[in-house]
N, C-alpha and C. Protein backbone atom coordinates (compact mmCIF):
# COMPACT_ATOMS: atom_id res chain seq x y z
N MET A 1 -9.96 -16.55 0.34
CA MET A 1 -10.36 -15.55 -0.62
C MET A 1 -9.23 -15.34 -1.62
N PRO A 2 -9.57 -15.15 -2.87
CA PRO A 2 -8.53 -14.79 -3.84
C PRO A 2 -7.96 -13.41 -3.50
N GLY A 3 -6.66 -13.31 -3.35
CA GLY A 3 -6.02 -12.08 -2.89
C GLY A 3 -6.36 -10.83 -3.66
N ALA A 4 -6.27 -10.86 -4.99
CA ALA A 4 -6.53 -9.65 -5.77
C ALA A 4 -7.99 -9.23 -5.68
N ASP A 5 -8.88 -10.19 -5.55
CA ASP A 5 -10.30 -9.86 -5.47
C ASP A 5 -10.64 -9.29 -4.10
N ASN A 6 -10.09 -9.86 -3.07
CA ASN A 6 -10.45 -9.47 -1.70
C ASN A 6 -9.87 -8.12 -1.31
N ASN A 7 -8.66 -7.86 -1.64
CA ASN A 7 -8.04 -6.61 -1.18
C ASN A 7 -7.63 -5.66 -2.30
N ALA A 8 -6.99 -6.17 -3.30
CA ALA A 8 -6.41 -5.30 -4.33
C ALA A 8 -7.47 -4.56 -5.14
N SER A 9 -8.63 -5.16 -5.36
CA SER A 9 -9.65 -4.47 -6.17
C SER A 9 -10.14 -3.21 -5.46
N GLY A 10 -10.40 -3.28 -4.16
CA GLY A 10 -10.83 -2.10 -3.41
C GLY A 10 -9.74 -1.05 -3.31
N VAL A 11 -8.51 -1.49 -3.10
CA VAL A 11 -7.39 -0.56 -3.00
C VAL A 11 -7.19 0.16 -4.33
N SER A 12 -7.30 -0.55 -5.44
CA SER A 12 -7.11 0.10 -6.75
C SER A 12 -8.18 1.16 -6.99
N ILE A 13 -9.41 0.92 -6.57
CA ILE A 13 -10.47 1.92 -6.73
C ILE A 13 -10.19 3.14 -5.84
N LEU A 14 -9.79 2.92 -4.59
CA LEU A 14 -9.47 4.05 -3.70
C LEU A 14 -8.32 4.89 -4.24
N LEU A 15 -7.30 4.25 -4.77
CA LEU A 15 -6.18 5.00 -5.34
C LEU A 15 -6.64 5.83 -6.54
N SER A 16 -7.51 5.28 -7.36
CA SER A 16 -8.06 6.03 -8.49
C SER A 16 -8.93 7.19 -8.00
N MET A 17 -9.72 6.94 -6.95
CA MET A 17 -10.56 8.00 -6.39
C MET A 17 -9.70 9.15 -5.85
N MET A 18 -8.56 8.83 -5.24
CA MET A 18 -7.65 9.87 -4.76
C MET A 18 -7.22 10.78 -5.89
N ASP A 19 -6.85 10.18 -6.99
CA ASP A 19 -6.38 10.95 -8.14
C ASP A 19 -7.50 11.85 -8.69
N ILE A 20 -8.70 11.33 -8.80
CA ILE A 20 -9.83 12.10 -9.33
C ILE A 20 -10.25 13.21 -8.36
N LEU A 21 -10.41 12.86 -7.08
CA LEU A 21 -10.86 13.84 -6.09
C LEU A 21 -9.85 14.97 -5.89
N ASP A 22 -8.58 14.67 -6.09
CA ASP A 22 -7.54 15.68 -5.95
C ASP A 22 -7.72 16.83 -6.96
N LYS A 23 -8.34 16.53 -8.08
CA LYS A 23 -8.54 17.53 -9.14
C LYS A 23 -9.83 18.32 -8.98
N LEU A 24 -10.69 17.93 -8.05
CA LEU A 24 -11.99 18.57 -7.87
C LEU A 24 -11.96 19.55 -6.70
N GLU A 25 -12.79 20.56 -6.79
CA GLU A 25 -12.97 21.48 -5.67
C GLU A 25 -14.26 21.06 -4.96
N ILE A 26 -14.11 20.40 -3.83
CA ILE A 26 -15.26 19.88 -3.09
C ILE A 26 -15.37 20.67 -1.78
N PRO A 27 -16.54 21.23 -1.48
CA PRO A 27 -16.68 22.06 -0.28
C PRO A 27 -16.71 21.27 1.03
N LYS A 28 -16.72 19.98 0.96
CA LYS A 28 -16.76 19.13 2.16
C LYS A 28 -15.46 18.34 2.28
N THR A 29 -15.19 17.85 3.47
CA THR A 29 -14.05 16.97 3.68
C THR A 29 -14.40 15.57 3.18
N VAL A 30 -13.51 15.01 2.38
CA VAL A 30 -13.69 13.64 1.89
C VAL A 30 -12.53 12.82 2.42
N ARG A 31 -12.86 11.74 3.11
CA ARG A 31 -11.83 10.85 3.64
C ARG A 31 -11.88 9.54 2.88
N LEU A 32 -10.74 9.11 2.39
CA LEU A 32 -10.61 7.79 1.78
C LEU A 32 -9.85 6.95 2.80
N VAL A 33 -10.50 5.94 3.34
CA VAL A 33 -9.97 5.20 4.47
C VAL A 33 -9.68 3.76 4.08
N PHE A 34 -8.46 3.34 4.32
CA PHE A 34 -8.08 1.95 4.12
C PHE A 34 -8.12 1.27 5.49
N LEU A 35 -8.87 0.20 5.61
CA LEU A 35 -9.02 -0.49 6.90
C LEU A 35 -8.33 -1.85 6.87
N ASP A 36 -7.93 -2.32 8.03
CA ASP A 36 -7.24 -3.60 8.16
C ASP A 36 -7.94 -4.42 9.24
N ALA A 37 -7.59 -5.68 9.32
CA ALA A 37 -8.10 -6.61 10.34
C ALA A 37 -9.61 -6.82 10.22
N GLU A 38 -10.15 -6.74 9.00
CA GLU A 38 -11.58 -6.94 8.81
C GLU A 38 -11.98 -8.41 8.93
N GLU A 39 -11.05 -9.31 8.64
CA GLU A 39 -11.34 -10.74 8.74
C GLU A 39 -11.39 -11.21 10.20
N PHE A 40 -10.98 -10.36 11.11
CA PHE A 40 -10.95 -10.72 12.53
C PHE A 40 -11.94 -9.88 13.32
N GLY A 41 -13.21 -9.97 12.96
CA GLY A 41 -14.25 -9.25 13.69
C GLY A 41 -14.35 -7.78 13.34
N ALA A 42 -13.96 -7.42 12.13
CA ALA A 42 -14.04 -6.04 11.66
C ALA A 42 -13.33 -5.06 12.60
N GLN A 43 -12.18 -5.45 13.10
CA GLN A 43 -11.45 -4.63 14.08
C GLN A 43 -11.09 -3.25 13.54
N GLY A 44 -10.68 -3.19 12.28
CA GLY A 44 -10.33 -1.89 11.70
C GLY A 44 -11.53 -0.95 11.65
N SER A 45 -12.67 -1.47 11.20
CA SER A 45 -13.90 -0.67 11.11
C SER A 45 -14.37 -0.22 12.48
N LEU A 46 -14.35 -1.13 13.43
CA LEU A 46 -14.81 -0.79 14.78
C LEU A 46 -13.95 0.32 15.40
N HIS A 47 -12.65 0.21 15.25
CA HIS A 47 -11.75 1.23 15.79
C HIS A 47 -12.03 2.58 15.14
N TYR A 48 -12.16 2.60 13.82
CA TYR A 48 -12.39 3.86 13.11
C TYR A 48 -13.73 4.46 13.49
N ALA A 49 -14.75 3.64 13.62
CA ALA A 49 -16.08 4.14 14.01
C ALA A 49 -16.04 4.78 15.39
N LYS A 50 -15.28 4.19 16.31
CA LYS A 50 -15.15 4.79 17.65
C LYS A 50 -14.46 6.14 17.58
N GLU A 51 -13.48 6.26 16.69
CA GLU A 51 -12.77 7.54 16.52
C GLU A 51 -13.70 8.62 15.97
N LEU A 52 -14.71 8.24 15.19
CA LEU A 52 -15.63 9.18 14.57
C LEU A 52 -16.86 9.49 15.42
N ALA A 53 -16.97 8.89 16.57
CA ALA A 53 -18.15 9.08 17.41
C ALA A 53 -18.43 10.56 17.62
N GLY A 54 -19.66 10.97 17.33
CA GLY A 54 -20.07 12.35 17.51
C GLY A 54 -19.90 13.23 16.28
N GLU A 55 -19.16 12.77 15.29
CA GLU A 55 -18.98 13.57 14.08
C GLU A 55 -20.18 13.41 13.16
N LYS A 56 -20.48 14.45 12.41
CA LYS A 56 -21.58 14.41 11.45
C LYS A 56 -21.04 13.82 10.14
N ILE A 57 -21.67 12.72 9.70
CA ILE A 57 -21.22 12.03 8.50
C ILE A 57 -22.36 12.02 7.49
N ALA A 58 -22.06 12.46 6.27
CA ALA A 58 -23.09 12.53 5.22
C ALA A 58 -23.30 11.18 4.55
N GLY A 59 -22.30 10.35 4.49
CA GLY A 59 -22.45 9.04 3.85
C GLY A 59 -21.12 8.35 3.71
N PHE A 60 -21.17 7.13 3.21
CA PHE A 60 -19.94 6.38 2.97
C PHE A 60 -20.17 5.37 1.86
N ILE A 61 -19.09 4.94 1.26
CA ILE A 61 -19.11 3.89 0.24
C ILE A 61 -18.16 2.80 0.71
N HIS A 62 -18.66 1.59 0.78
CA HIS A 62 -17.85 0.45 1.21
C HIS A 62 -17.37 -0.30 -0.02
N LEU A 63 -16.07 -0.40 -0.19
CA LEU A 63 -15.49 -1.09 -1.33
C LEU A 63 -14.84 -2.38 -0.87
N SER A 64 -15.44 -3.50 -1.24
CA SER A 64 -14.89 -4.79 -0.84
C SER A 64 -15.19 -5.82 -1.93
N MET A 65 -14.19 -6.53 -2.32
CA MET A 65 -14.32 -7.59 -3.31
C MET A 65 -15.08 -7.13 -4.55
N LEU A 66 -14.60 -6.07 -5.18
CA LEU A 66 -15.28 -5.47 -6.32
C LEU A 66 -15.23 -6.36 -7.57
N ALA A 67 -14.27 -7.23 -7.66
CA ALA A 67 -14.16 -8.08 -8.84
C ALA A 67 -14.80 -9.46 -8.63
N HIS A 68 -15.48 -9.64 -7.52
CA HIS A 68 -16.08 -10.94 -7.19
C HIS A 68 -17.20 -11.29 -8.14
N ASP A 69 -17.12 -12.44 -8.75
CA ASP A 69 -18.14 -12.94 -9.70
C ASP A 69 -18.54 -11.89 -10.70
């Protein structure tokens, strides 16, 4: 995978989202999560999902390879 497309594009969006969300008053908790080891069986996602077991989640946005094609 091209490095900037695979990882850096999603990271750049999350960093921008941090800056924007910091200025807003949102009544809910918003978590911006950077995951690792996704190329090896989605290990980062699996671990995080286990940590969230039982929590009420309204939704999520998956950012991966945003600059692809």
